[in-house]
Amino acid sequence: MSNRSIIKSWRPQRERQSAIHEAAQVLPPGRYQEFDPFLLMAEDWFWHGTFLDHPHRGIETVTYVISGHMGHYDNKSGHEGVLGPGDVQWMTAGHGVIHKEDPVPGEEVHSLQLWVNLPRESKLMPPRYQDLSASRVPMREEDGYLIRVYSGRMAGLAAPTDNVVPIVMAEIHLEAGRSLEVDVAGDHNGFLYILEGEGAFGANAHRGRSGEVLWLSPESAGEPISHLTLHAIAPLRVLIYTGKPLHQPVVAYGPFVMTSIEEIQEAFDDYHGGRFI
């Protein structure tokens, strides 16, 4: 069983988008083959009125609320609700959905939104939502650490989340001086985003601090399981995401991600023709 290393790291830069919105590119768009099956991740600080009704097709969005309360609704099922700190919304856009994500008036929301690619055969599947409450996802708290598993399996915990592409998402808290070793599927790409603290990660004990992205060494298709070591130098809070690459063409334009320019044009035609219903 191999031990994953950290092969690169970077610090996203927070930039103002408008008077009510600041953002940082955690996973910059356009590096689709490198990040496969992940497309991008944005970190947002925003107020009421930022993300009004907008469409998506061909992807899943995974939104993790760091702070604040975010209301949401979509045009498909009348699904709506409010997400709080530690909650996740897993939205499968599939054929097409129009939705809104908006902070409760008077509150700023700080969130992370990951875009996950859908395989060619699932691009037009029926849309669906899964709201994953921090208080209800599988969780283990033992001496010096806490782990919540939002998707997939980790540390003996299995989330009930329905996945199209195999994805693991977990949040890990470690007290200073504590170490933890977790399994990672051998054929998964993956990364960590450090929300708080400082630690040493992977076989090469790569030092990482709050606000940094750490990219794991490449997947090992010949080994079903690898593992990753985390050690907290200061109290640590980190998110880990891993996923099985699709190795498929990616053509992205705005909120639509398909496999050809013709499919992108069809998505725009369907949206403007009122067929995202």
C-alpha atoms as a PDB file:
ATOM      1  CA  MET A   1       0.000   0.000   0.000  1.00  0.00           C
ATOM      2  CA  SER A   2       1.569   3.300  -1.088  1.00  0.00           C
ATOM      3  CA  ASN A   3       1.568   6.525   0.878  1.00  0.00           C
ATOM      4  CA  ARG A   4       0.452   9.540  -1.135  1.00  0.00           C
ATOM      5  CA  SER A   5       2.676  12.621  -1.217  1.00  0.00           C
ATOM      6  CA  ILE A   6       1.862  16.262  -1.839  1.00  0.00           C
ATOM      7  CA  ILE A   7       3.271  17.176  -5.249  1.00  0.00           C
ATOM      8  CA  LYS A   8       2.214  20.828  -5.455  1.00  0.00           C
ATOM      9  CA  SER A   9       0.520  23.513  -3.413  1.00  0.00           C
ATOM     10  CA  TRP A  10      -0.801  27.014  -3.993  1.00  0.00           C
ATOM     11  CA  ARG A  11      -2.608  29.807  -2.204  1.00  0.00           C
ATOM     12  CA  PRO A  12      -5.749  31.178  -3.917  1.00  0.00           C
ATOM     13  CA  GLN A  13      -5.938  34.959  -4.075  1.00  0.00           C
ATOM     14  CA  ARG A  14      -9.083  36.699  -2.873  1.00  0.00           C
ATOM     15  CA  GLU A  15     -10.318  39.310  -5.375  1.00  0.00           C
ATOM     16  CA  ARG A  16     -13.271  41.671  -5.394  1.00  0.00           C
ATOM     17  CA  GLN A  17     -15.930  40.837  -8.003  1.00  0.00           C
ATOM     18  CA  SER A  18     -18.501  43.462  -7.021  1.00  0.00           C
ATOM     19  CA  ALA A  19     -19.590  45.548  -4.058  1.00  0.00           C
ATOM     20  CA  ILE A  20     -21.233  42.457  -2.525  1.00  0.00           C
ATOM     21  CA  HIS A  21     -18.971  39.637  -3.704  1.00  0.00           C
ATOM     22  CA  GLU A  22     -15.352  38.560  -3.311  1.00  0.00           C
ATOM     23  CA  ALA A  23     -13.954  35.308  -4.674  1.00  0.00           C
ATOM     24  CA  ALA A  24     -10.820  33.182  -4.938  1.00  0.00           C
ATOM     25  CA  GLN A  25     -10.124  30.408  -7.459  1.00  0.00           C
ATOM     26  CA  VAL A  26      -9.225  27.384  -5.339  1.00  0.00           C
ATOM     27  CA  LEU A  27      -9.116  25.124  -8.413  1.00  0.00           C
ATOM     28  CA  PRO A  28      -8.730  27.458 -11.395  1.00  0.00           C
ATOM     29  CA  PRO A  29     -10.919  26.552 -14.400  1.00  0.00           C
ATOM     30  CA  GLY A  30      -9.301  25.228 -17.566  1.00  0.00           C
ATOM     31  CA  ARG A  31      -7.027  22.587 -16.011  1.00  0.00           C
ATOM     32  CA  TYR A  32      -9.586  19.892 -16.672  1.00  0.00           C
ATOM     33  CA  GLN A  33      -7.330  16.938 -17.462  1.00  0.00           C
ATOM     34  CA  GLU A  34      -5.089  17.674 -14.481  1.00  0.00           C
ATOM     35  CA  PHE A  35      -7.978  18.039 -12.026  1.00  0.00           C
ATOM     36  CA  ASP A  36     -10.222  15.301 -13.552  1.00  0.00           C
ATOM     37  CA  PRO A  37     -12.995  14.616 -12.473  1.00  0.00           C
ATOM     38  CA  PHE A  38     -13.031  18.039 -10.781  1.00  0.00           C
ATOM     39  CA  LEU A  39     -13.582  21.083 -12.988  1.00  0.00           C
ATOM     40  CA  LEU A  40     -13.093  24.042 -10.664  1.00  0.00           C
ATOM     41  CA  MET A  41     -13.576  25.205  -7.120  1.00  0.00           C
ATOM     42  CA  ALA A  42     -14.448  28.745  -6.068  1.00  0.00           C
ATOM     43  CA  GLU A  43     -14.276  30.236  -2.600  1.00  0.00           C
ATOM     44  CA  ASP A  44     -16.856  32.994  -2.227  1.00  0.00           C
ATOM     45  CA  TRP A  45     -17.663  35.722   0.291  1.00  0.00           C
ATOM     46  CA  PHE A  46     -21.014  37.193  -0.733  1.00  0.00           C
ATOM     47  CA  TRP A  47     -24.131  39.023   0.363  1.00  0.00           C
ATOM     48  CA  HIS A  48     -27.804  38.843  -0.565  1.00  0.00           C
ATOM     49  CA  GLY A  49     -28.358  39.417  -4.296  1.00  0.00           C
ATOM     50  CA  THR A  50     -25.099  37.964  -5.651  1.00  0.00           C
ATOM     51  CA  PHE A  51     -26.106  34.619  -7.171  1.00  0.00           C
ATOM     52  CA  LEU A  52     -29.631  35.085  -8.508  1.00  0.00           C
ATOM     53  CA  ASP A  53     -31.392  32.658 -10.870  1.00  0.00           C
ATOM     54  CA  HIS A  54     -28.834  30.959 -13.141  1.00  0.00           C
ATOM     55  CA  PRO A  55     -28.680  27.705 -15.133  1.00  0.00           C
ATOM     56  CA  HIS A  56     -26.373  24.667 -15.167  1.00  0.00           C
ATOM     57  CA  ARG A  57     -26.103  21.551 -17.329  1.00  0.00           C
ATOM     58  CA  GLY A  58     -23.730  18.602 -17.422  1.00  0.00           C
ATOM     59  CA  ILE A  59     -22.173  18.977 -13.962  1.00  0.00           C
ATOM     60  CA  GLU A  60     -22.650  18.552 -10.240  1.00  0.00           C
ATOM     61  CA  THR A  61     -22.069  21.446  -7.848  1.00  0.00           C
ATOM     62  CA  VAL A  62     -20.953  20.662  -4.304  1.00  0.00           C
ATOM     63  CA  THR A  63     -21.385  23.689  -2.029  1.00  0.00           C
ATOM     64  CA  TYR A  64     -19.894  23.699   1.470  1.00  0.00           C
ATOM     65  CA  VAL A  65     -20.929  26.532   3.789  1.00  0.00           C
ATOM     66  CA  ILE A  66     -18.053  27.760   5.961  1.00  0.00           C
ATOM     67  CA  SER A  67     -20.020  30.513   7.712  1.00  0.00           C
ATOM     68  CA  GLY A  68     -23.355  32.277   7.382  1.00  0.00           C
ATOM     69  CA  HIS A  69     -26.709  30.931   6.212  1.00  0.00           C
ATOM     70  CA  MET A  70     -27.495  30.410   2.534  1.00  0.00           C
ATOM     71  CA  GLY A  71     -30.988  30.051   1.127  1.00  0.00           C
ATOM     72  CA  HIS A  72     -31.516  28.132  -2.103  1.00  0.00           C
ATOM     73  CA  TYR A  73     -34.223  26.977  -4.466  1.00  0.00           C
ATOM     74  CA  ASP A  74     -34.561  25.456  -7.916  1.00  0.00           C
ATOM     75  CA  ASN A  75     -37.124  25.451 -10.724  1.00  0.00           C
ATOM     76  CA  LYS A  76     -37.459  21.672 -10.962  1.00  0.00           C
ATOM     77  CA  SER A  77     -38.978  20.258  -7.844  1.00  0.00           C
ATOM     78  CA  GLY A  78     -39.678  23.298  -5.746  1.00  0.00           C
ATOM     79  CA  HIS A  79     -36.776  22.171  -3.600  1.00  0.00           C
ATOM     80  CA  GLU A  80     -35.697  24.941  -1.279  1.00  0.00           C
ATOM     81  CA  GLY A  81     -34.141  25.417   2.107  1.00  0.00           C
ATOM     82  CA  VAL A  82     -31.401  27.059   4.135  1.00  0.00           C
ATOM     83  CA  LEU A  83     -27.882  25.728   4.663  1.00  0.00           C
ATOM     84  CA  GLY A  84     -25.779  26.658   7.684  1.00  0.00           C
ATOM     85  CA  PRO A  85     -22.112  26.275   8.660  1.00  0.00           C
ATOM     86  CA  GLY A  86     -20.777  22.808   7.857  1.00  0.00           C
ATOM     87  CA  ASP A  87     -23.739  21.908   5.642  1.00  0.00           C
ATOM     88  CA  VAL A  88     -23.297  20.757   2.046  1.00  0.00           C
ATOM     89  CA  GLN A  89     -25.591  20.908  -0.957  1.00  0.00           C
ATOM     90  CA  TRP A  90     -24.883  18.305  -3.630  1.00  0.00           C
ATOM     91  CA  MET A  91     -26.715  19.378  -6.770  1.00  0.00           C
ATOM     92  CA  THR A  92     -26.754  17.248  -9.903  1.00  0.00           C
ATOM     93  CA  ALA A  93     -27.671  19.597 -12.749  1.00  0.00           C
ATOM     94  CA  GLY A  94     -27.879  16.858 -15.380  1.00  0.00           C
ATOM     95  CA  HIS A  95     -30.183  17.842 -18.237  1.00  0.00           C
ATOM     96  CA  GLY A  96     -30.608  21.333 -16.879  1.00  0.00           C
ATOM     97  CA  VAL A  97     -31.653  23.251 -13.811  1.00  0.00           C
ATOM     98  CA  ILE A  98     -32.172  26.896 -12.888  1.00  0.00           C
ATOM     99  CA  HIS A  99     -31.411  27.668  -9.275  1.00  0.00           C
ATOM    100  CA  LYS A 100     -30.507  30.436  -6.873  1.00  0.00           C
ATOM    101  CA  GLU A 101     -28.093  30.522  -3.937  1.00  0.00           C
ATOM    102  CA  ASP A 102     -28.599  33.570  -1.782  1.00  0.00           C
ATOM    103  CA  PRO A 103     -27.507  34.532   1.737  1.00  0.00           C
ATOM    104  CA  VAL A 104     -30.143  35.256   4.325  1.00  0.00           C
ATOM    105  CA  PRO A 105     -30.645  39.050   4.207  1.00  0.00           C
ATOM    106  CA  GLY A 106     -28.179  40.828   6.462  1.00  0.00           C
ATOM    107  CA  GLU A 107     -25.660  37.964   6.518  1.00  0.00           C
ATOM    108  CA  GLU A 108     -22.467  37.366   4.582  1.00  0.00           C
ATOM    109  CA  VAL A 109     -21.948  33.780   3.440  1.00  0.00           C
ATOM    110  CA  HIS A 110     -18.473  32.285   3.112  1.00  0.00           C
ATOM    111  CA  SER A 111     -18.587  29.119   1.015  1.00  0.00           C
ATOM    112  CA  LEU A 112     -16.711  26.723  -1.230  1.00  0.00           C
ATOM    113  CA  GLN A 113     -18.293  25.461  -4.428  1.00  0.00           C
ATOM    114  CA  LEU A 114     -16.763  22.543  -6.297  1.00  0.00           C
ATOM    115  CA  TRP A 115     -17.827  21.586  -9.816  1.00  0.00           C
ATOM    116  CA  VAL A 116     -17.683  17.853 -10.546  1.00  0.00           C
ATOM    117  CA  ASN A 117     -17.834  16.652 -14.134  1.00  0.00           C
ATOM    118  CA  LEU A 118     -20.510  14.177 -15.196  1.00  0.00           C
ATOM    119  CA  PRO A 119     -19.639  11.354 -17.617  1.00  0.00           C
ATOM    120  CA  ARG A 120     -20.892  11.639 -21.178  1.00  0.00           C
ATOM    121  CA  GLU A 121     -23.670   9.100 -20.609  1.00  0.00           C
ATOM    122  CA  SER A 122     -24.993  11.016 -17.573  1.00  0.00           C
ATOM    123  CA  LYS A 123     -24.806  14.595 -18.862  1.00  0.00           C
ATOM    124  CA  LEU A 124     -28.563  14.674 -19.512  1.00  0.00           C
ATOM    125  CA  MET A 125     -29.750  12.712 -16.483  1.00  0.00           C
ATOM    126  CA  PRO A 126     -32.671  14.093 -14.443  1.00  0.00           C
ATOM    127  CA  PRO A 127     -31.575  16.820 -12.000  1.00  0.00           C
ATOM    128  CA  ARG A 128     -31.559  16.144  -8.265  1.00  0.00           C
ATOM    129  CA  TYR A 129     -30.563  17.765  -4.977  1.00  0.00           C
ATOM    130  CA  GLN A 130     -29.067  16.238  -1.848  1.00  0.00           C
ATOM    131  CA  ASP A 131     -28.796  18.439   1.244  1.00  0.00           C
ATOM    132  CA  LEU A 132     -26.168  17.041   3.609  1.00  0.00           C
ATOM    133  CA  SER A 133     -26.503  18.451   7.109  1.00  0.00           C
ATOM    134  CA  ALA A 134     -23.331  18.523   9.209  1.00  0.00           C
ATOM    135  CA  SER A 135     -25.354  17.130  12.116  1.00  0.00           C
ATOM    136  CA  ARG A 136     -26.554  14.105  10.126  1.00  0.00           C
ATOM    137  CA  VAL A 137     -23.608  12.944   8.023  1.00  0.00           C
ATOM    138  CA  PRO A 138     -21.505  10.060   9.399  1.00  0.00           C
ATOM    139  CA  MET A 139     -19.113  11.405  12.033  1.00  0.00           C
ATOM    140  CA  ARG A 140     -16.513  10.054  14.428  1.00  0.00           C
ATOM    141  CA  GLU A 141     -14.954  11.990  17.274  1.00  0.00           C
ATOM    142  CA  GLU A 142     -12.163  10.388  19.283  1.00  0.00           C
ATOM    143  CA  ASP A 143      -9.222  11.591  21.319  1.00  0.00           C
ATOM    144  CA  GLY A 144      -7.717  14.446  19.363  1.00  0.00           C
ATOM    145  CA  TYR A 145      -9.622  14.221  16.123  1.00  0.00           C
ATOM    146  CA  LEU A 146     -13.010  14.557  14.450  1.00  0.00           C
ATOM    147  CA  ILE A 147     -13.984  13.421  10.960  1.00  0.00           C
ATOM    148  CA  ARG A 148     -17.208  13.959   8.998  1.00  0.00           C
ATOM    149  CA  VAL A 149     -17.776  12.059   5.756  1.00  0.00           C
ATOM    150  CA  TYR A 150     -20.088  13.799   3.284  1.00  0.00           C
ATOM    151  CA  SER A 151     -19.540  11.430   0.360  1.00  0.00           C
ATOM    152  CA  GLY A 152     -17.965   8.026  -0.140  1.00  0.00           C
ATOM    153  CA  ARG A 153     -16.038   6.121   2.514  1.00  0.00           C
ATOM    154  CA  MET A 154     -13.233   7.162   4.843  1.00  0.00           C
ATOM    155  CA  ALA A 155     -11.970   6.093   8.264  1.00  0.00           C
ATOM    156  CA  GLY A 156     -14.544   3.315   8.499  1.00  0.00           C
ATOM    157  CA  LEU A 157     -17.439   5.698   7.835  1.00  0.00           C
ATOM    158  CA  ALA A 158     -19.718   5.461   4.787  1.00  0.00           C
ATOM    159  CA  ALA A 159     -21.922   8.354   3.633  1.00  0.00           C
ATOM    160  CA  PRO A 160     -25.313   7.570   2.058  1.00  0.00           C
ATOM    161  CA  THR A 161     -24.800  10.245  -0.627  1.00  0.00           C
ATOM    162  CA  ASP A 162     -25.684   9.117  -4.153  1.00  0.00           C
ATOM    163  CA  ASN A 163     -22.755   9.625  -6.528  1.00  0.00           C
ATOM    164  CA  VAL A 164     -22.578   9.454 -10.296  1.00  0.00           C
ATOM    165  CA  VAL A 165     -18.786   9.672 -10.293  1.00  0.00           C
ATOM    166  CA  PRO A 166     -17.123   8.025  -7.268  1.00  0.00           C
ATOM    167  CA  ILE A 167     -16.238  10.957  -4.987  1.00  0.00           C
ATOM    168  CA  VAL A 168     -14.995  11.084  -1.412  1.00  0.00           C
ATOM    169  CA  MET A 169     -15.497  14.281   0.560  1.00  0.00           C
ATOM    170  CA  ALA A 170     -14.575  14.573   4.219  1.00  0.00           C
ATOM    171  CA  GLU A 171     -13.835  17.219   6.835  1.00  0.00           C
ATOM    172  CA  ILE A 172     -11.080  16.476   9.349  1.00  0.00           C
ATOM    173  CA  HIS A 173     -10.228  18.293  12.586  1.00  0.00           C
ATOM    174  CA  LEU A 174      -6.987  17.456  14.405  1.00  0.00           C
ATOM    175  CA  GLU A 175      -5.693  18.819  17.670  1.00  0.00           C
ATOM    176  CA  ALA A 176      -2.117  20.099  17.724  1.00  0.00           C
ATOM    177  CA  GLY A 177       0.357  17.235  17.807  1.00  0.00           C
ATOM    178  CA  ARG A 178      -2.209  14.665  16.605  1.00  0.00           C
ATOM    179  CA  SER A 179      -1.655  12.534  13.487  1.00  0.00           C
ATOM    180  CA  LEU A 180      -4.157  10.606  11.406  1.00  0.00           C
ATOM    181  CA  GLU A 181      -3.805   8.197   8.494  1.00  0.00           C
ATOM    182  CA  VAL A 182      -6.721   7.817   6.074  1.00  0.00           C
ATOM    183  CA  ASP A 183      -7.250   5.535   3.101  1.00  0.00           C
ATOM    184  CA  VAL A 184      -7.496   6.950  -0.420  1.00  0.00           C
ATOM    185  CA  ALA A 185      -8.699   4.908  -3.388  1.00  0.00           C
ATOM    186  CA  GLY A 186      -5.707   4.016  -5.535  1.00  0.00           C
ATOM    187  CA  ASP A 187      -7.368   5.220  -8.743  1.00  0.00           C
ATOM    188  CA  HIS A 188      -8.523   8.605  -7.384  1.00  0.00           C
ATOM    189  CA  ASN A 189      -7.165  12.080  -7.992  1.00  0.00           C
ATOM    190  CA  GLY A 190      -7.433  14.328  -4.981  1.00  0.00           C
ATOM    191  CA  PHE A 191      -6.605  17.454  -3.032  1.00  0.00           C
ATOM    192  CA  LEU A 192      -6.913  19.061   0.383  1.00  0.00           C
ATOM    193  CA  TYR A 193      -7.959  22.582   1.272  1.00  0.00           C
ATOM    194  CA  ILE A 194      -6.799  23.828   4.655  1.00  0.00           C
ATOM    195  CA  LEU A 195      -9.476  25.894   6.359  1.00  0.00           C
ATOM    196  CA  GLU A 196      -7.634  26.471   9.634  1.00  0.00           C
ATOM    197  CA  GLY A 197      -4.302  25.742  11.226  1.00  0.00           C
ATOM    198  CA  GLU A 198      -1.037  24.230  10.059  1.00  0.00           C
ATOM    199  CA  GLY A 199       0.138  20.706   9.400  1.00  0.00           C
ATOM    200  CA  ALA A 200       2.466  18.278   7.656  1.00  0.00           C
ATOM    201  CA  PHE A 201       0.894  16.123   4.967  1.00  0.00           C
ATOM    202  CA  GLY A 202       1.704  13.010   2.993  1.00  0.00           C
ATOM    203  CA  ALA A 203       4.779  10.813   2.726  1.00  0.00           C
ATOM    204  CA  ASN A 204       6.938  13.898   2.166  1.00  0.00           C
ATOM    205  CA  ALA A 205       5.550  15.706   5.252  1.00  0.00           C
ATOM    206  CA  HIS A 206       4.705  18.757   3.137  1.00  0.00           C
ATOM    207  CA  ARG A 207       4.061  21.793   5.338  1.00  0.00           C
ATOM    208  CA  GLY A 208       0.740  23.497   4.704  1.00  0.00           C
ATOM    209  CA  ARG A 209      -1.137  26.367   6.339  1.00  0.00           C
ATOM    210  CA  SER A 210      -4.627  27.833   6.389  1.00  0.00           C
ATOM    211  CA  GLY A 211      -5.753  28.970   2.946  1.00  0.00           C
ATOM    212  CA  GLU A 212      -3.565  26.573   0.934  1.00  0.00           C
ATOM    213  CA  VAL A 213      -4.508  23.897  -1.608  1.00  0.00           C
ATOM    214  CA  LEU A 214      -2.466  20.683  -1.496  1.00  0.00           C
ATOM    215  CA  TRP A 215      -2.572  18.392  -4.548  1.00  0.00           C
ATOM    216  CA  LEU A 216      -1.968  14.667  -4.044  1.00  0.00           C
ATOM    217  CA  SER A 217       0.517  12.603  -6.029  1.00  0.00           C
ATOM    218  CA  PRO A 218      -1.034  10.783  -9.018  1.00  0.00           C
ATOM    219  CA  GLU A 219      -3.437   7.927  -8.638  1.00  0.00           C
ATOM    220  CA  SER A 220      -2.026   4.389  -8.660  1.00  0.00           C
ATOM    221  CA  ALA A 221      -4.448   2.326 -10.717  1.00  0.00           C
ATOM    222  CA  GLY A 222      -2.566  -0.869  -9.863  1.00  0.00           C
ATOM    223  CA  GLU A 223      -3.228  -0.461  -6.138  1.00  0.00           C
ATOM    224  CA  PRO A 224      -6.828  -0.533  -4.906  1.00  0.00           C
ATOM    225  CA  ILE A 225      -5.967   1.479  -1.792  1.00  0.00           C
ATOM    226  CA  SER A 226      -3.308   4.025  -0.898  1.00  0.00           C
ATOM    227  CA  HIS A 227      -3.115   6.093   2.244  1.00  0.00           C
ATOM    228  CA  LEU A 228      -2.512   9.663   3.309  1.00  0.00           C
ATOM    229  CA  THR A 229      -0.975  10.889   6.555  1.00  0.00           C
ATOM    230  CA  LEU A 230      -1.981  14.161   8.225  1.00  0.00           C
ATOM    231  CA  HIS A 231      -0.167  15.667  11.208  1.00  0.00           C
ATOM    232  CA  ALA A 232      -1.358  18.817  12.996  1.00  0.00           C
ATOM    233  CA  ILE A 233       1.343  21.298  13.939  1.00  0.00           C
ATOM    234  CA  ALA A 234      -1.358  23.747  15.064  1.00  0.00           C
ATOM    235  CA  PRO A 235      -5.054  22.859  15.511  1.00  0.00           C
ATOM    236  CA  LEU A 236      -6.085  21.792  12.033  1.00  0.00           C
ATOM    237  CA  ARG A 237      -9.324  21.860  10.058  1.00  0.00           C
ATOM    238  CA  VAL A 238      -9.063  20.531   6.506  1.00  0.00           C
ATOM    239  CA  LEU A 239     -11.335  19.348   3.712  1.00  0.00           C
ATOM    240  CA  ILE A 240     -10.272  16.420   1.546  1.00  0.00           C
ATOM    241  CA  TYR A 241     -11.752  15.601  -1.852  1.00  0.00           C
ATOM    242  CA  THR A 242     -10.864  12.628  -4.047  1.00  0.00           C
ATOM    243  CA  GLY A 243     -12.509  11.358  -7.224  1.00  0.00           C
ATOM    244  CA  LYS A 244     -12.108   8.813  -9.995  1.00  0.00           C
ATOM    245  CA  PRO A 245     -10.999  10.500 -13.255  1.00  0.00           C
ATOM    246  CA  LEU A 246     -13.294  10.213 -16.273  1.00  0.00           C
ATOM    247  CA  HIS A 247     -10.666  10.675 -19.014  1.00  0.00           C
ATOM    248  CA  GLN A 248     -13.273  12.251 -21.299  1.00  0.00           C
ATOM    249  CA  PRO A 249     -13.297  15.421 -23.437  1.00  0.00           C
ATOM    250  CA  VAL A 250     -14.357  18.605 -21.639  1.00  0.00           C
ATOM    251  CA  VAL A 251     -15.953  21.543 -23.449  1.00  0.00           C
ATOM    252  CA  ALA A 252     -17.045  24.277 -21.044  1.00  0.00           C
ATOM    253  CA  TYR A 253     -18.785  27.567 -21.686  1.00  0.00           C
ATOM    254  CA  GLY A 254     -20.220  29.582 -18.831  1.00  0.00           C
ATOM    255  CA  PRO A 255     -22.475  27.406 -16.654  1.00  0.00           C
ATOM    256  CA  PHE A 256     -22.540  24.459 -19.086  1.00  0.00           C
ATOM    257  CA  VAL A 257     -19.955  21.657 -19.332  1.00  0.00           C
ATOM    258  CA  MET A 258     -20.366  19.105 -22.092  1.00  0.00           C
ATOM    259  CA  THR A 259     -18.127  17.039 -24.399  1.00  0.00           C
ATOM    260  CA  SER A 260     -18.511  18.971 -27.683  1.00  0.00           C
ATOM    261  CA  ILE A 261     -19.251  22.482 -28.911  1.00  0.00           C
ATOM    262  CA  GLU A 262     -22.436  21.164 -30.520  1.00  0.00           C
ATOM    263  CA  GLU A 263     -23.685  20.022 -27.111  1.00  0.00           C
ATOM    264  CA  ILE A 264     -22.871  23.439 -25.666  1.00  0.00           C
ATOM    265  CA  GLN A 265     -24.913  25.116 -28.398  1.00  0.00           C
ATOM    266  CA  GLU A 266     -27.789  22.744 -27.717  1.00  0.00           C
ATOM    267  CA  ALA A 267     -27.628  23.643 -24.014  1.00  0.00           C
ATOM    268  CA  PHE A 268     -27.936  27.359 -24.822  1.00  0.00           C
ATOM    269  CA  ASP A 269     -30.774  26.665 -27.268  1.00  0.00           C
ATOM    270  CA  ASP A 270     -32.654  24.604 -24.663  1.00  0.00           C
ATOM    271  CA  TYR A 271     -32.116  27.211 -21.959  1.00  0.00           C
ATOM    272  CA  HIS A 272     -33.240  30.155 -24.066  1.00  0.00           C
ATOM    273  CA  GLY A 273     -36.077  28.053 -25.451  1.00  0.00           C
ATOM    274  CA  GLY A 274     -37.469  27.471 -21.965  1.00  0.00           C
ATOM    275  CA  ARG A 275     -36.683  23.760 -21.908  1.00  0.00           C
ATOM    276  CA  PHE A 276     -34.905  23.769 -18.514  1.00  0.00           C
ATOM    277  CA  ILE A 277     -38.186  22.850 -16.829  1.00  0.00           C
END
